[in-house]
Each structure stands twice: as structure tokens, then as C-alpha cells.
Amino acid sequence: MKWKTRSKGGQPSFLPRLLFLAACFFGGVCLGQVLAGRVPDETGRELSCYLKDYLTLGDGGATPASLWAAVVLYGRYPLLAFLLGFASIGVLLLPLSAVAFGFFLSFSVSCFTAAFGADGVLLAIGVFGLRCAVTLPCYFWLAVPALGTSGALASLSFGRGRRVAAVTYGREYWRRLAVCGAVLALALCVDLLCGPRILRFLLEHMFV
């Protein structure tokens, strides 16, 4: 079975765009691991404070600010990917957003490892695990078609008189946003309810 390299509208098909964005993401992961080696010694203390604040969510101490921050953490990359599909500049910013996604995720996990040793990996999973398991698929599911539409818009803008196909946003484009929004909202609720409890269990058994 052969993979199609072109869609009906003349845009690259799903697989090449997915592989390109995945390569950008893993490039960011590698960069985050490299730069995490320069983390200062105070990072351990700062992460301890962060974990204490995170645990307050499970004690009924969540504030509107902390809830809003959680919404932003879950929705920023998927929503950005969706919106960039409406701009020709998205053909440049979508790969950069994939690099940024990989970099900050890798850098955060590496900081936990540098501060807490091998136990830091489990702590990072407790803090970021559910979020990443949901936001990563949602991001790529929205970013891949967005890269195609932004590329088509760029072709219209810089086509220099050449005839190019019109850019259309069908039901599938909006259905992806609705599905991702529902999944992200559900995962956010589960994370707010269970995430601090899971982290507390890990901390109690690691004596961090």
C-alpha cells in the first residue's frame, strides 16, 4: 500500500506533514535536554515550592488564577495550532511551535531529573503525564491540517500570479477542534481531581 504524498487540493498529505512536525518536536526535545544541563542549583528548591503549590489543588485550595493557569497549560498549544491554520505565517510558526512544545516539555522533565535524580522522572510523570498524553495527540491532530491550510494561504499570498486552489475549511477542520476541546476539558477535570493525589502518593513514597 502506497502513502499518498498529495491531497486532492494539491497540498501535501497528512503523513509528510506529520513527520515534518514530529521531527521539529523531537528537535526541541533534544535542545531541551542539552540546555537543561545548565540548570542552576536553586532549581531543586524552586521545584519543591512548585510541587507544594500543585498539591494545594487536591486540598481544596485551588484559586481562579491556578485554574486559569491549568486551562492555559492544556489548551495553549492545540489552540495555537488551530488558529495558525488561518494565517499564512503559520507555515513558519507551526514548526516553531512544535520545537517550543518539545523543548519546554523536555526541559521541564530534565529539570526534575537534575533536581531529584531518578525519582524526578516519576515526579515529572505525575505532574505532566496526563497532560502530555492528551495535549500531544490533540496538538498534532490540529497542527497537521493547519500546516496544510497555512501553506495554501502562503501560496495565495506569494503565488506571483500563478493559479492556485482556493483554501477551504470543511466540517472536518471544525470537528477536530470540537473533539479536541471536549477531550482536553475532560482530561483537565481528571487532572485537577486526581493529579495532586497521585503526586502526593509519589512524594510520600520517595520522601522528597
N, C-alpha and C. Protein backbone atom coordinates (compact mmCIF):
# COMPACT_ATOMS: atom_id res chain seq x y z
N MET A 1 0.84 -1.20 0.00
CA MET A 1 0.00 0.00 0.00
C MET A 1 0.87 1.24 0.00
N LYS A 2 0.60 2.15 -0.92
CA LYS A 2 1.41 3.36 -1.04
C LYS A 2 0.72 4.54 -0.34
N TRP A 3 1.55 5.32 0.38
CA TRP A 3 1.04 6.53 1.01
C TRP A 3 0.94 7.62 -0.05
N LYS A 4 -0.16 8.36 -0.04
CA LYS A 4 -0.29 9.48 -0.96
C LYS A 4 0.52 10.66 -0.45
N THR A 5 1.23 11.31 -1.34
CA THR A 5 2.02 12.46 -0.95
C THR A 5 1.31 13.77 -1.26
N ARG A 6 0.15 13.70 -1.93
CA ARG A 6 -0.61 14.89 -2.24
C ARG A 6 -2.08 14.66 -1.97
N SER A 7 -2.72 15.67 -1.42
CA SER A 7 -4.15 15.60 -1.22
C SER A 7 -4.86 16.07 -2.47
N LYS A 8 -6.17 16.03 -2.47
CA LYS A 8 -6.93 16.43 -3.65
C LYS A 8 -6.71 17.89 -3.99
N GLY A 9 -6.48 18.73 -3.01
CA GLY A 9 -6.30 20.15 -3.25
C GLY A 9 -4.89 20.51 -3.65
N GLY A 10 -4.03 19.51 -3.82
CA GLY A 10 -2.66 19.81 -4.22
C GLY A 10 -1.74 20.05 -3.06
N GLN A 11 -2.25 19.94 -1.82
CA GLN A 11 -1.42 20.15 -0.65
C GLN A 11 -0.78 18.82 -0.23
N PRO A 12 0.37 18.88 0.41
CA PRO A 12 0.98 17.64 0.91
C PRO A 12 0.00 16.91 1.82
N SER A 13 -0.02 15.60 1.77
CA SER A 13 -0.96 14.82 2.55
C SER A 13 -0.55 14.77 4.02
N PHE A 14 -1.36 14.06 4.80
CA PHE A 14 -1.22 14.07 6.26
C PHE A 14 0.14 13.55 6.71
N LEU A 15 0.58 12.43 6.16
CA LEU A 15 1.79 11.78 6.67
C LEU A 15 3.05 12.63 6.54
N PRO A 16 3.36 13.22 5.38
CA PRO A 16 4.57 14.05 5.30
C PRO A 16 4.56 15.23 6.26
N ARG A 17 3.40 15.85 6.41
CA ARG A 17 3.31 16.98 7.35
C ARG A 17 3.48 16.51 8.78
N LEU A 18 2.89 15.35 9.11
CA LEU A 18 3.04 14.80 10.45
C LEU A 18 4.50 14.50 10.75
N LEU A 19 5.18 13.88 9.81
CA LEU A 19 6.59 13.54 10.02
C LEU A 19 7.44 14.80 10.16
N PHE A 20 7.13 15.83 9.40
CA PHE A 20 7.89 17.07 9.49
C PHE A 20 7.70 17.73 10.86
N LEU A 21 6.46 17.83 11.32
CA LEU A 21 6.21 18.44 12.63
C LEU A 21 6.77 17.58 13.75
N ALA A 22 6.70 16.26 13.60
CA ALA A 22 7.28 15.37 14.62
C ALA A 22 8.79 15.56 14.70
N ALA A 23 9.44 15.74 13.54
CA ALA A 23 10.88 15.99 13.54
C ALA A 23 11.20 17.30 14.26
N CYS A 24 10.38 18.32 14.04
CA CYS A 24 10.57 19.60 14.74
C CYS A 24 10.39 19.42 16.24
N PHE A 25 9.39 18.63 16.63
CA PHE A 25 9.14 18.39 18.05
C PHE A 25 10.33 17.69 18.70
N PHE A 26 10.84 16.64 18.08
CA PHE A 26 11.96 15.91 18.66
C PHE A 26 13.24 16.72 18.62
N GLY A 27 13.35 17.64 17.67
CA GLY A 27 14.46 18.57 17.70
C GLY A 27 14.41 19.45 18.94
N GLY A 28 13.20 19.90 19.28
CA GLY A 28 13.03 20.67 20.51
C GLY A 28 13.32 19.86 21.75
N VAL A 29 12.96 18.58 21.74
CA VAL A 29 13.25 17.69 22.87
C VAL A 29 14.75 17.59 23.10
N CYS A 30 15.49 17.40 22.01
CA CYS A 30 16.95 17.29 22.12
C CYS A 30 17.55 18.59 22.64
N LEU A 31 17.05 19.72 22.14
CA LEU A 31 17.56 21.01 22.58
C LEU A 31 17.28 21.23 24.07
N GLY A 32 16.09 20.81 24.53
CA GLY A 32 15.75 20.95 25.94
C GLY A 32 16.66 20.14 26.83
N GLN A 33 17.03 18.95 26.41
CA GLN A 33 17.93 18.11 27.20
C GLN A 33 19.32 18.71 27.28
N VAL A 34 19.75 19.32 26.18
CA VAL A 34 21.08 19.93 26.17
C VAL A 34 21.14 21.13 27.12
N LEU A 35 20.16 22.00 27.03
CA LEU A 35 20.16 23.22 27.84
C LEU A 35 19.83 22.94 29.30
N ALA A 36 19.15 21.83 29.58
CA ALA A 36 18.83 21.50 30.97
C ALA A 36 20.08 21.22 31.79
N GLY A 37 21.19 20.90 31.12
CA GLY A 37 22.44 20.66 31.84
C GLY A 37 23.01 21.90 32.48
N ARG A 38 22.48 23.07 32.11
CA ARG A 38 22.96 24.32 32.67
C ARG A 38 22.03 24.88 33.74
N VAL A 39 21.17 24.02 34.26
CA VAL A 39 20.22 24.45 35.29
C VAL A 39 20.97 24.80 36.57
N PRO A 40 20.65 25.94 37.20
CA PRO A 40 21.34 26.32 38.45
C PRO A 40 20.94 25.44 39.62
N ASP A 41 21.71 25.52 40.69
CA ASP A 41 21.48 24.68 41.86
C ASP A 41 20.17 25.00 42.57
N GLU A 42 19.68 26.25 42.42
CA GLU A 42 18.44 26.63 43.12
C GLU A 42 17.21 25.97 42.54
N THR A 43 17.35 25.27 41.41
CA THR A 43 16.19 24.69 40.75
C THR A 43 15.45 23.71 41.64
N GLY A 44 16.20 22.90 42.40
CA GLY A 44 15.56 21.93 43.29
C GLY A 44 14.63 22.60 44.28
N ARG A 45 15.07 23.71 44.87
CA ARG A 45 14.23 24.42 45.83
C ARG A 45 12.99 25.02 45.14
N GLU A 46 13.18 25.56 43.95
CA GLU A 46 12.06 26.14 43.21
C GLU A 46 11.05 25.07 42.82
N LEU A 47 11.53 23.91 42.41
CA LEU A 47 10.62 22.83 42.05
C LEU A 47 9.87 22.32 43.27
N SER A 48 10.51 22.29 44.42
CA SER A 48 9.83 21.88 45.65
C SER A 48 8.68 22.82 45.96
N CYS A 49 8.90 24.11 45.79
CA CYS A 49 7.83 25.09 46.00
C CYS A 49 6.70 24.88 45.00
N TYR A 50 7.08 24.58 43.75
CA TYR A 50 6.08 24.34 42.72
C TYR A 50 5.22 23.12 43.07
N LEU A 51 5.85 22.06 43.55
CA LEU A 51 5.11 20.86 43.91
C LEU A 51 4.16 21.12 45.07
N LYS A 52 4.60 21.93 46.04
CA LYS A 52 3.72 22.27 47.17
C LYS A 52 2.50 23.04 46.68
N ASP A 53 2.71 23.98 45.76
CA ASP A 53 1.58 24.74 45.22
C ASP A 53 0.64 23.84 44.43
N TYR A 54 1.23 22.89 43.70
CA TYR A 54 0.42 21.97 42.91
C TYR A 54 -0.45 21.09 43.81
N LEU A 55 0.09 20.71 44.96
CA LEU A 55 -0.65 19.85 45.87
C LEU A 55 -1.85 20.56 46.49
N THR A 56 -1.83 21.89 46.54
CA THR A 56 -2.96 22.62 47.11
C THR A 56 -4.22 22.42 46.29
N LEU A 57 -4.08 22.04 45.00
CA LEU A 57 -5.26 21.79 44.18
C LEU A 57 -6.07 20.62 44.72
N GLY A 58 -5.39 19.66 45.31
CA GLY A 58 -6.08 18.50 45.87
C GLY A 58 -6.60 18.74 47.27
N ASP A 59 -6.27 19.87 47.89
CA ASP A 59 -6.73 20.18 49.24
C ASP A 59 -7.82 21.24 49.24
N GLY A 60 -8.43 21.46 48.09
CA GLY A 60 -9.47 22.47 48.02
C GLY A 60 -8.93 23.87 48.01
N GLY A 61 -7.63 24.02 47.76
CA GLY A 61 -7.04 25.35 47.79
C GLY A 61 -6.87 25.98 46.43
N ALA A 62 -7.53 25.43 45.41
CA ALA A 62 -7.39 25.97 44.07
C ALA A 62 -8.02 27.35 43.99
N THR A 63 -7.35 28.26 43.35
CA THR A 63 -7.83 29.62 43.16
C THR A 63 -8.21 29.82 41.70
N PRO A 64 -8.99 30.86 41.40
CA PRO A 64 -9.31 31.13 39.99
C PRO A 64 -8.05 31.29 39.14
N ALA A 65 -7.01 31.88 39.72
CA ALA A 65 -5.76 32.06 38.97
C ALA A 65 -5.12 30.72 38.63
N SER A 66 -5.10 29.78 39.60
CA SER A 66 -4.49 28.48 39.35
C SER A 66 -5.32 27.67 38.36
N LEU A 67 -6.65 27.79 38.44
CA LEU A 67 -7.50 27.08 37.49
C LEU A 67 -7.31 27.63 36.08
N TRP A 68 -7.22 28.94 35.97
CA TRP A 68 -6.98 29.55 34.66
C TRP A 68 -5.63 29.13 34.11
N ALA A 69 -4.63 29.06 34.98
CA ALA A 69 -3.31 28.62 34.54
C ALA A 69 -3.37 27.19 34.01
N ALA A 70 -4.16 26.32 34.67
CA ALA A 70 -4.30 24.94 34.21
C ALA A 70 -4.98 24.88 32.85
N VAL A 71 -5.98 25.72 32.65
CA VAL A 71 -6.66 25.78 31.34
C VAL A 71 -5.68 26.21 30.25
N VAL A 72 -4.84 27.19 30.55
CA VAL A 72 -3.86 27.66 29.57
C VAL A 72 -2.86 26.56 29.25
N LEU A 73 -2.40 25.85 30.27
CA LEU A 73 -1.43 24.78 30.05
C LEU A 73 -1.98 23.68 29.15
N TYR A 74 -3.26 23.38 29.31
CA TYR A 74 -3.86 22.34 28.49
C TYR A 74 -4.19 22.82 27.08
N GLY A 75 -4.61 24.05 26.96
CA GLY A 75 -5.14 24.49 25.67
C GLY A 75 -4.22 25.30 24.79
N ARG A 76 -3.07 25.76 25.31
CA ARG A 76 -2.27 26.72 24.56
C ARG A 76 -1.75 26.17 23.24
N TYR A 77 -1.13 25.02 23.24
CA TYR A 77 -0.54 24.50 22.00
C TYR A 77 -1.59 24.00 21.01
N PRO A 78 -2.59 23.22 21.43
CA PRO A 78 -3.63 22.83 20.47
C PRO A 78 -4.37 24.02 19.87
N LEU A 79 -4.73 25.00 20.71
CA LEU A 79 -5.46 26.17 20.20
C LEU A 79 -4.58 27.00 19.27
N LEU A 80 -3.32 27.15 19.61
CA LEU A 80 -2.39 27.88 18.75
C LEU A 80 -2.27 27.19 17.40
N ALA A 81 -2.17 25.87 17.41
CA ALA A 81 -2.08 25.12 16.16
C ALA A 81 -3.31 25.34 15.30
N PHE A 82 -4.48 25.32 15.92
CA PHE A 82 -5.71 25.53 15.16
C PHE A 82 -5.76 26.92 14.55
N LEU A 83 -5.44 27.94 15.34
CA LEU A 83 -5.54 29.32 14.85
C LEU A 83 -4.53 29.64 13.76
N LEU A 84 -3.35 29.04 13.84
CA LEU A 84 -2.33 29.31 12.84
C LEU A 84 -2.72 28.76 11.47
N GLY A 85 -3.70 27.88 11.43
CA GLY A 85 -4.20 27.39 10.15
C GLY A 85 -4.93 28.45 9.35
N PHE A 86 -5.25 29.59 9.98
CA PHE A 86 -5.96 30.68 9.30
C PHE A 86 -5.01 31.79 8.86
N ALA A 87 -3.71 31.59 9.00
CA ALA A 87 -2.74 32.63 8.66
C ALA A 87 -1.61 32.02 7.84
N SER A 88 -1.17 32.76 6.85
CA SER A 88 -0.07 32.26 6.01
C SER A 88 1.23 32.13 6.80
N ILE A 89 1.39 32.96 7.84
CA ILE A 89 2.60 32.90 8.66
C ILE A 89 2.66 31.58 9.43
N GLY A 90 1.53 30.87 9.50
CA GLY A 90 1.50 29.60 10.20
C GLY A 90 2.45 28.58 9.60
N VAL A 91 2.77 28.72 8.31
CA VAL A 91 3.69 27.78 7.68
C VAL A 91 5.08 27.86 8.33
N LEU A 92 5.40 28.99 8.95
CA LEU A 92 6.65 29.16 9.68
C LEU A 92 6.47 28.94 11.18
N LEU A 93 5.35 29.44 11.72
CA LEU A 93 5.16 29.39 13.17
C LEU A 93 4.75 28.00 13.67
N LEU A 94 4.09 27.22 12.85
CA LEU A 94 3.71 25.87 13.29
C LEU A 94 4.94 25.00 13.56
N PRO A 95 5.92 24.95 12.67
CA PRO A 95 7.14 24.19 13.02
C PRO A 95 7.83 24.74 14.27
N LEU A 96 7.84 26.08 14.41
CA LEU A 96 8.46 26.67 15.60
C LEU A 96 7.68 26.31 16.86
N SER A 97 6.36 26.24 16.76
CA SER A 97 5.57 25.86 17.94
C SER A 97 5.84 24.41 18.31
N ALA A 98 6.06 23.55 17.31
CA ALA A 98 6.40 22.15 17.61
C ALA A 98 7.75 22.07 18.31
N VAL A 99 8.70 22.87 17.87
CA VAL A 99 10.01 22.92 18.53
C VAL A 99 9.85 23.40 19.97
N ALA A 100 9.07 24.46 20.17
CA ALA A 100 8.85 25.01 21.51
C ALA A 100 8.16 23.99 22.41
N PHE A 101 7.18 23.28 21.88
CA PHE A 101 6.47 22.26 22.65
C PHE A 101 7.46 21.20 23.14
N GLY A 102 8.26 20.67 22.22
CA GLY A 102 9.23 19.65 22.60
C GLY A 102 10.28 20.18 23.55
N PHE A 103 10.73 21.42 23.33
CA PHE A 103 11.78 21.99 24.17
C PHE A 103 11.31 22.14 25.62
N PHE A 104 10.17 22.79 25.83
CA PHE A 104 9.73 23.07 27.20
C PHE A 104 9.33 21.79 27.93
N LEU A 105 8.78 20.81 27.21
CA LEU A 105 8.47 19.55 27.85
C LEU A 105 9.75 18.83 28.27
N SER A 106 10.70 18.74 27.37
CA SER A 106 11.96 18.06 27.68
C SER A 106 12.74 18.80 28.76
N PHE A 107 12.76 20.12 28.69
CA PHE A 107 13.49 20.91 29.66
C PHE A 107 12.89 20.73 31.06
N SER A 108 11.55 20.70 31.15
CA SER A 108 10.89 20.53 32.44
C SER A 108 11.21 19.18 33.06
N VAL A 109 11.10 18.12 32.24
CA VAL A 109 11.39 16.78 32.75
C VAL A 109 12.86 16.67 33.16
N SER A 110 13.74 17.26 32.35
CA SER A 110 15.17 17.21 32.67
C SER A 110 15.48 17.96 33.96
N CYS A 111 14.76 19.05 34.22
CA CYS A 111 14.96 19.78 35.47
C CYS A 111 14.56 18.93 36.67
N PHE A 112 13.46 18.20 36.55
CA PHE A 112 13.06 17.30 37.63
C PHE A 112 14.12 16.24 37.87
N THR A 113 14.65 15.70 36.78
CA THR A 113 15.67 14.66 36.91
C THR A 113 16.94 15.22 37.54
N ALA A 114 17.33 16.43 37.12
CA ALA A 114 18.54 17.03 37.67
C ALA A 114 18.39 17.36 39.15
N ALA A 115 17.17 17.73 39.55
CA ALA A 115 16.95 18.14 40.94
C ALA A 115 16.72 16.97 41.88
N PHE A 116 16.02 15.93 41.40
CA PHE A 116 15.62 14.83 42.29
C PHE A 116 16.19 13.48 41.88
N GLY A 117 17.07 13.45 40.91
CA GLY A 117 17.66 12.19 40.49
C GLY A 117 16.68 11.33 39.72
N ALA A 118 16.82 10.02 39.86
CA ALA A 118 15.95 9.09 39.13
C ALA A 118 14.49 9.24 39.52
N ASP A 119 14.23 9.61 40.78
CA ASP A 119 12.85 9.80 41.21
C ASP A 119 12.19 10.97 40.50
N GLY A 120 13.00 11.88 39.96
CA GLY A 120 12.45 13.02 39.26
C GLY A 120 11.66 12.64 38.03
N VAL A 121 12.00 11.51 37.42
CA VAL A 121 11.25 11.05 36.24
C VAL A 121 9.82 10.71 36.64
N LEU A 122 9.67 9.97 37.76
CA LEU A 122 8.33 9.62 38.23
C LEU A 122 7.55 10.85 38.66
N LEU A 123 8.23 11.79 39.30
CA LEU A 123 7.56 13.03 39.69
C LEU A 123 7.09 13.81 38.47
N ALA A 124 7.93 13.85 37.44
CA ALA A 124 7.55 14.55 36.21
C ALA A 124 6.35 13.88 35.56
N ILE A 125 6.31 12.54 35.59
CA ILE A 125 5.16 11.83 35.04
C ILE A 125 3.91 12.17 35.84
N GLY A 126 4.05 12.26 37.16
CA GLY A 126 2.91 12.61 38.00
C GLY A 126 2.37 13.99 37.70
N VAL A 127 3.26 14.92 37.36
CA VAL A 127 2.84 16.30 37.10
C VAL A 127 2.40 16.50 35.65
N PHE A 128 3.18 15.96 34.71
CA PHE A 128 2.94 16.23 33.29
C PHE A 128 2.32 15.06 32.53
N GLY A 129 2.27 13.87 33.15
CA GLY A 129 1.91 12.68 32.40
C GLY A 129 0.57 12.76 31.68
N LEU A 130 -0.51 13.00 32.41
CA LEU A 130 -1.83 13.03 31.81
C LEU A 130 -1.94 14.17 30.81
N ARG A 131 -1.40 15.33 31.20
CA ARG A 131 -1.48 16.49 30.30
C ARG A 131 -0.82 16.20 28.96
N CYS A 132 0.38 15.63 29.00
CA CYS A 132 1.09 15.36 27.75
C CYS A 132 0.43 14.25 26.95
N ALA A 133 -0.14 13.26 27.65
CA ALA A 133 -0.80 12.15 26.96
C ALA A 133 -2.01 12.64 26.17
N VAL A 134 -2.56 13.79 26.56
CA VAL A 134 -3.74 14.33 25.88
C VAL A 134 -3.36 15.46 24.92
N THR A 135 -2.53 16.39 25.40
CA THR A 135 -2.24 17.57 24.58
C THR A 135 -1.38 17.25 23.36
N LEU A 136 -0.48 16.28 23.47
CA LEU A 136 0.37 15.94 22.32
C LEU A 136 -0.45 15.42 21.14
N PRO A 137 -1.32 14.40 21.32
CA PRO A 137 -2.13 13.96 20.18
C PRO A 137 -3.04 15.07 19.65
N CYS A 138 -3.64 15.85 20.55
CA CYS A 138 -4.52 16.93 20.11
C CYS A 138 -3.75 17.97 19.31
N TYR A 139 -2.56 18.29 19.77
CA TYR A 139 -1.75 19.28 19.06
C TYR A 139 -1.46 18.82 17.63
N PHE A 140 -0.95 17.61 17.49
CA PHE A 140 -0.59 17.13 16.15
C PHE A 140 -1.83 16.92 15.28
N TRP A 141 -2.92 16.52 15.89
CA TRP A 141 -4.16 16.30 15.12
C TRP A 141 -4.68 17.60 14.54
N LEU A 142 -4.43 18.70 15.25
CA LEU A 142 -4.85 20.02 14.75
C LEU A 142 -3.76 20.68 13.91
N ALA A 143 -2.51 20.46 14.27
CA ALA A 143 -1.41 21.16 13.61
C ALA A 143 -1.17 20.65 12.19
N VAL A 144 -1.37 19.36 11.95
CA VAL A 144 -1.09 18.81 10.62
C VAL A 144 -1.99 19.42 9.55
N PRO A 145 -3.33 19.42 9.73
CA PRO A 145 -4.15 20.09 8.72
C PRO A 145 -3.93 21.60 8.70
N ALA A 146 -3.62 22.20 9.85
CA ALA A 146 -3.36 23.63 9.89
C ALA A 146 -2.13 24.00 9.06
N LEU A 147 -1.13 23.12 9.08
CA LEU A 147 0.06 23.37 8.26
C LEU A 147 -0.29 23.35 6.78
N GLY A 148 -1.21 22.49 6.40
CA GLY A 148 -1.63 22.44 5.01
C GLY A 148 -2.38 23.69 4.58
N THR A 149 -3.32 24.15 5.42
CA THR A 149 -4.09 25.34 5.06
C THR A 149 -3.23 26.60 5.11
N SER A 150 -2.34 26.69 6.08
CA SER A 150 -1.47 27.87 6.14
C SER A 150 -0.51 27.89 4.95
N GLY A 151 -0.06 26.70 4.53
CA GLY A 151 0.78 26.63 3.34
C GLY A 151 0.03 27.06 2.09
N ALA A 152 -1.26 26.67 2.01
CA ALA A 152 -2.07 27.09 0.87
C ALA A 152 -2.30 28.60 0.89
N LEU A 153 -2.50 29.16 2.07
CA LEU A 153 -2.65 30.62 2.18
C LEU A 153 -1.37 31.33 1.77
N ALA A 154 -0.23 30.77 2.16
CA ALA A 154 1.05 31.37 1.75
C ALA A 154 1.21 31.31 0.23
N SER A 155 0.74 30.23 -0.39
CA SER A 155 0.81 30.13 -1.84
C SER A 155 -0.06 31.18 -2.51
N LEU A 156 -1.23 31.46 -1.92
CA LEU A 156 -2.08 32.52 -2.45
C LEU A 156 -1.44 33.89 -2.31
N SER A 157 -0.76 34.08 -1.18
CA SER A 157 -0.16 35.39 -0.91
C SER A 157 1.08 35.65 -1.75
N PHE A 158 1.86 34.59 -2.00
CA PHE A 158 3.14 34.76 -2.70
C PHE A 158 3.19 33.96 -4.00
N GLY A 159 2.01 33.73 -4.56
CA GLY A 159 1.96 32.94 -5.78
C GLY A 159 2.45 33.66 -7.02
N ARG A 160 2.59 34.98 -6.95
CA ARG A 160 3.11 35.77 -8.07
C ARG A 160 2.31 35.52 -9.35
N GLY A 161 1.00 35.54 -9.18
CA GLY A 161 0.15 35.43 -10.35
C GLY A 161 -0.19 34.01 -10.75
N ARG A 162 0.43 33.03 -10.17
CA ARG A 162 0.12 31.65 -10.53
C ARG A 162 -1.25 31.26 -10.00
N ARG A 163 -1.93 30.40 -10.72
CA ARG A 163 -3.23 29.94 -10.31
C ARG A 163 -3.07 28.84 -9.27
N VAL A 164 -3.66 29.05 -8.10
CA VAL A 164 -3.60 28.06 -7.03
C VAL A 164 -5.02 27.79 -6.54
N ALA A 165 -5.20 26.62 -5.95
CA ALA A 165 -6.52 26.24 -5.45
C ALA A 165 -6.93 27.10 -4.27
N ALA A 166 -8.23 27.37 -4.18
CA ALA A 166 -8.75 28.16 -3.06
C ALA A 166 -8.63 27.36 -1.77
N VAL A 167 -8.44 28.08 -0.66
CA VAL A 167 -8.31 27.44 0.65
C VAL A 167 -9.70 27.29 1.26
N THR A 168 -10.05 26.10 1.64
CA THR A 168 -11.35 25.83 2.24
C THR A 168 -11.16 25.16 3.60
N TYR A 169 -12.10 25.44 4.50
CA TYR A 169 -12.11 24.84 5.83
C TYR A 169 -13.43 24.07 5.96
N GLY A 170 -13.37 22.79 5.78
CA GLY A 170 -14.57 21.97 5.82
C GLY A 170 -15.00 21.61 7.22
N ARG A 171 -16.02 20.78 7.29
CA ARG A 171 -16.54 20.37 8.59
C ARG A 171 -15.49 19.62 9.41
N GLU A 172 -14.65 18.87 8.70
CA GLU A 172 -13.63 18.08 9.40
C GLU A 172 -12.71 18.96 10.21
N TYR A 173 -12.38 20.14 9.65
CA TYR A 173 -11.46 21.05 10.34
C TYR A 173 -12.06 21.51 11.67
N TRP A 174 -13.35 21.84 11.65
CA TRP A 174 -14.01 22.31 12.87
C TRP A 174 -14.36 21.15 13.80
N ARG A 175 -14.63 19.99 13.22
CA ARG A 175 -14.92 18.83 14.05
C ARG A 175 -13.71 18.44 14.88
N ARG A 176 -12.52 18.56 14.31
CA ARG A 176 -11.30 18.27 15.06
C ARG A 176 -11.20 19.18 16.28
N LEU A 177 -11.50 20.46 16.10
CA LEU A 177 -11.43 21.41 17.21
C LEU A 177 -12.42 21.02 18.31
N ALA A 178 -13.65 20.66 17.91
CA ALA A 178 -14.67 20.30 18.90
C ALA A 178 -14.27 19.05 19.68
N VAL A 179 -13.76 18.05 18.97
CA VAL A 179 -13.36 16.80 19.63
C VAL A 179 -12.19 17.06 20.59
N CYS A 180 -11.19 17.82 20.11
CA CYS A 180 -10.04 18.12 20.97
C CYS A 180 -10.45 18.94 22.18
N GLY A 181 -11.36 19.89 21.98
CA GLY A 181 -11.82 20.69 23.11
C GLY A 181 -12.50 19.85 24.18
N ALA A 182 -13.33 18.89 23.74
CA ALA A 182 -14.02 18.02 24.70
C ALA A 182 -13.03 17.12 25.43
N VAL A 183 -12.07 16.57 24.69
CA VAL A 183 -11.07 15.68 25.31
C VAL A 183 -10.21 16.45 26.29
N LEU A 184 -9.78 17.64 25.91
CA LEU A 184 -8.94 18.45 26.79
C LEU A 184 -9.69 18.87 28.06
N ALA A 185 -10.96 19.22 27.91
CA ALA A 185 -11.75 19.62 29.07
C ALA A 185 -11.92 18.45 30.04
N LEU A 186 -12.18 17.26 29.51
CA LEU A 186 -12.33 16.08 30.36
C LEU A 186 -11.02 15.76 31.07
N ALA A 187 -9.92 15.80 30.32
CA ALA A 187 -8.61 15.49 30.92
C ALA A 187 -8.25 16.52 31.98
N LEU A 188 -8.59 17.78 31.75
CA LEU A 188 -8.31 18.82 32.73
C LEU A 188 -9.04 18.55 34.03
N CYS A 189 -10.31 18.17 33.94
CA CYS A 189 -11.08 17.87 35.16
C CYS A 189 -10.48 16.69 35.92
N VAL A 190 -10.10 15.65 35.17
CA VAL A 190 -9.49 14.47 35.80
C VAL A 190 -8.17 14.85 36.46
N ASP A 191 -7.39 15.68 35.78
CA ASP A 191 -6.09 16.08 36.32
C ASP A 191 -6.26 16.89 37.59
N LEU A 192 -7.21 17.81 37.61
CA LEU A 192 -7.42 18.63 38.80
C LEU A 192 -7.89 17.79 39.98
N LEU A 193 -8.64 16.73 39.70
CA LEU A 193 -9.16 15.89 40.78
C LEU A 193 -8.15 14.84 41.24
N CYS A 194 -7.44 14.24 40.30
CA CYS A 194 -6.58 13.10 40.63
C CYS A 194 -5.10 13.42 40.63
N GLY A 195 -4.68 14.42 39.85
CA GLY A 195 -3.26 14.72 39.72
C GLY A 195 -2.56 14.98 41.04
N PRO A 196 -3.08 15.88 41.88
CA PRO A 196 -2.42 16.13 43.17
C PRO A 196 -2.36 14.90 44.07
N ARG A 197 -3.39 14.06 44.02
CA ARG A 197 -3.39 12.84 44.85
C ARG A 197 -2.31 11.87 44.39
N ILE A 198 -2.16 11.74 43.07
CA ILE A 198 -1.12 10.86 42.54
C ILE A 198 0.26 11.39 42.93
N LEU A 199 0.44 12.69 42.82
CA LEU A 199 1.72 13.28 43.17
C LEU A 199 2.01 13.14 44.65
N ARG A 200 1.00 13.32 45.49
CA ARG A 200 1.21 13.16 46.93
C ARG A 200 1.62 11.72 47.26
N PHE A 201 1.00 10.76 46.60
CA PHE A 201 1.37 9.36 46.80
C PHE A 201 2.84 9.13 46.43
N LEU A 202 3.28 9.70 45.31
CA LEU A 202 4.67 9.55 44.91
C LEU A 202 5.63 10.20 45.90
N LEU A 203 5.26 11.39 46.36
CA LEU A 203 6.13 12.11 47.30
C LEU A 203 6.24 11.35 48.62
N GLU A 204 5.14 10.79 49.08
CA GLU A 204 5.16 10.06 50.36
C GLU A 204 6.04 8.82 50.29
N HIS A 205 6.13 8.22 49.11
CA HIS A 205 6.91 7.00 48.99
C HIS A 205 8.36 7.26 48.54
N MET A 206 8.63 8.51 48.19
CA MET A 206 10.00 8.86 47.80
C MET A 206 10.69 9.70 48.86
N PHE A 207 9.91 10.21 49.84
CA PHE A 207 10.45 11.04 50.90
C PHE A 207 11.14 12.27 50.33
N VAL A 208 10.49 12.89 49.30
CA VAL A 208 11.06 14.10 48.71
C VAL A 208 10.74 15.27 49.61
